[in-house]
Amino acid sequence: MYFRKKQDEELVKESIAVWTCEQEECKGWMRDNFSFEDVPTCPICSSPMKRDTKLLPVLANPTGEPKPETP
């Protein structure tokens, strides 16, 4: 039998800026600091996306600086 080792430490979660798809049927979303455009389109259905927040584990994006917050 195989028993998976439990994680020693709990993941730190934080309120993160994300883009969510405006279509109700689509569940597409992406982290703001991982998007390539200032206002992205949904990669799943090509619909416009709106700014939102989610409680997610903290990830570092080594490819660039965080984008400035826009209201």
C-alpha atoms as a PDB file:
ATOM      1  CA  MET A   1       0.000   0.000   0.000  1.00  0.00           C
ATOM      2  CA  TYR A   2       1.007   3.568  -0.597  1.00  0.00           C
ATOM      3  CA  PHE A   3       0.398   6.252   1.994  1.00  0.00           C
ATOM      4  CA  ARG A   4       0.965   9.801   0.955  1.00  0.00           C
ATOM      5  CA  LYS A   5       2.896  11.923   3.401  1.00  0.00           C
ATOM      6  CA  LYS A   6       0.856  14.811   4.774  1.00  0.00           C
ATOM      7  CA  GLN A   7       2.049  18.357   4.287  1.00  0.00           C
ATOM      8  CA  ASP A   8       4.044  19.576   7.255  1.00  0.00           C
ATOM      9  CA  GLU A   9       3.013  23.200   6.959  1.00  0.00           C
ATOM     10  CA  GLU A  10      -0.243  24.742   5.842  1.00  0.00           C
ATOM     11  CA  LEU A  11      -0.251  26.858   2.692  1.00  0.00           C
ATOM     12  CA  VAL A  12      -0.483  30.588   3.337  1.00  0.00           C
ATOM     13  CA  LYS A  13      -3.569  32.046   1.642  1.00  0.00           C
ATOM     14  CA  GLU A  14      -4.067  35.669   0.772  1.00  0.00           C
ATOM     15  CA  SER A  15      -6.662  37.783  -1.030  1.00  0.00           C
ATOM     16  CA  ILE A  16      -5.248  37.928  -4.581  1.00  0.00           C
ATOM     17  CA  ALA A  17      -6.352  40.093  -7.536  1.00  0.00           C
ATOM     18  CA  VAL A  18      -7.701  37.915 -10.355  1.00  0.00           C
ATOM     19  CA  TRP A  19      -9.553  38.276 -13.646  1.00  0.00           C
ATOM     20  CA  THR A  20     -12.800  36.265 -13.957  1.00  0.00           C
ATOM     21  CA  CYS A  21     -14.809  35.569 -17.092  1.00  0.00           C
ATOM     22  CA  GLU A  22     -18.014  37.598 -17.453  1.00  0.00           C
ATOM     23  CA  GLN A  23     -19.923  34.667 -18.997  1.00  0.00           C
ATOM     24  CA  GLU A  24     -21.931  32.846 -16.309  1.00  0.00           C
ATOM     25  CA  GLU A  25     -21.464  29.434 -17.973  1.00  0.00           C
ATOM     26  CA  CYS A  26     -17.661  29.807 -18.164  1.00  0.00           C
ATOM     27  CA  LYS A  27     -15.498  29.172 -15.096  1.00  0.00           C
ATOM     28  CA  GLY A  28     -12.339  30.748 -16.523  1.00  0.00           C
ATOM     29  CA  TRP A  29     -10.145  32.930 -14.299  1.00  0.00           C
ATOM     30  CA  MET A  30      -6.482  33.897 -13.993  1.00  0.00           C
ATOM     31  CA  ARG A  31      -4.245  35.644 -11.505  1.00  0.00           C
ATOM     32  CA  ASP A  32      -3.675  39.281 -12.385  1.00  0.00           C
ATOM     33  CA  ASN A  33       0.102  39.070 -11.959  1.00  0.00           C
ATOM     34  CA  PHE A  34       0.237  36.121 -14.413  1.00  0.00           C
ATOM     35  CA  SER A  35      -1.758  37.799 -17.207  1.00  0.00           C
ATOM     36  CA  PHE A  36       0.051  39.277 -20.205  1.00  0.00           C
ATOM     37  CA  GLU A  37      -2.510  41.998 -21.000  1.00  0.00           C
ATOM     38  CA  ASP A  38      -3.841  44.926 -18.972  1.00  0.00           C
ATOM     39  CA  VAL A  39      -7.430  43.779 -19.630  1.00  0.00           C
ATOM     40  CA  PRO A  40      -7.319  40.142 -20.789  1.00  0.00           C
ATOM     41  CA  THR A  41      -9.926  38.121 -22.649  1.00  0.00           C
ATOM     42  CA  CYS A  42     -10.952  34.690 -21.417  1.00  0.00           C
ATOM     43  CA  PRO A  43      -8.616  31.980 -22.775  1.00  0.00           C
ATOM     44  CA  ILE A  44     -11.478  29.461 -22.715  1.00  0.00           C
ATOM     45  CA  CYS A  45     -14.373  31.301 -24.414  1.00  0.00           C
ATOM     46  CA  SER A  46     -12.769  34.592 -25.620  1.00  0.00           C
ATOM     47  CA  SER A  47     -15.242  36.724 -23.633  1.00  0.00           C
ATOM     48  CA  PRO A  48     -14.279  39.884 -21.731  1.00  0.00           C
ATOM     49  CA  MET A  49     -13.011  39.467 -18.185  1.00  0.00           C
ATOM     50  CA  LYS A  50     -13.616  41.551 -15.060  1.00  0.00           C
ATOM     51  CA  ARG A  51     -11.378  42.235 -12.068  1.00  0.00           C
ATOM     52  CA  ASP A  52     -12.155  40.289  -8.877  1.00  0.00           C
ATOM     53  CA  THR A  53     -10.385  38.814  -5.838  1.00  0.00           C
ATOM     54  CA  LYS A  54      -9.990  35.239  -4.568  1.00  0.00           C
ATOM     55  CA  LEU A  55      -8.486  33.701  -1.450  1.00  0.00           C
ATOM     56  CA  LEU A  56      -5.569  31.735  -2.953  1.00  0.00           C
ATOM     57  CA  PRO A  57      -2.175  30.327  -1.933  1.00  0.00           C
ATOM     58  CA  VAL A  58       0.635  32.812  -2.415  1.00  0.00           C
ATOM     59  CA  LEU A  59       2.741  32.223  -5.563  1.00  0.00           C
ATOM     60  CA  ALA A  60       5.748  34.198  -6.711  1.00  0.00           C
ATOM     61  CA  ASN A  61       5.923  35.314 -10.341  1.00  0.00           C
ATOM     62  CA  PRO A  62       9.647  35.441 -11.171  1.00  0.00           C
ATOM     63  CA  THR A  63       9.044  36.757 -14.713  1.00  0.00           C
ATOM     64  CA  GLY A  64       7.966  40.271 -13.822  1.00  0.00           C
ATOM     65  CA  GLU A  65       6.926  42.875 -11.333  1.00  0.00           C
ATOM     66  CA  PRO A  66       3.400  43.023  -9.930  1.00  0.00           C
ATOM     67  CA  LYS A  67       1.022  45.171 -11.946  1.00  0.00           C
ATOM     68  CA  PRO A  68      -0.243  48.395 -10.370  1.00  0.00           C
ATOM     69  CA  GLU A  69      -3.754  48.224  -8.928  1.00  0.00           C
ATOM     70  CA  THR A  70      -6.367  49.882 -11.119  1.00  0.00           C
ATOM     71  CA  PRO A  71      -9.800  50.721  -9.690  1.00  0.00           C
END
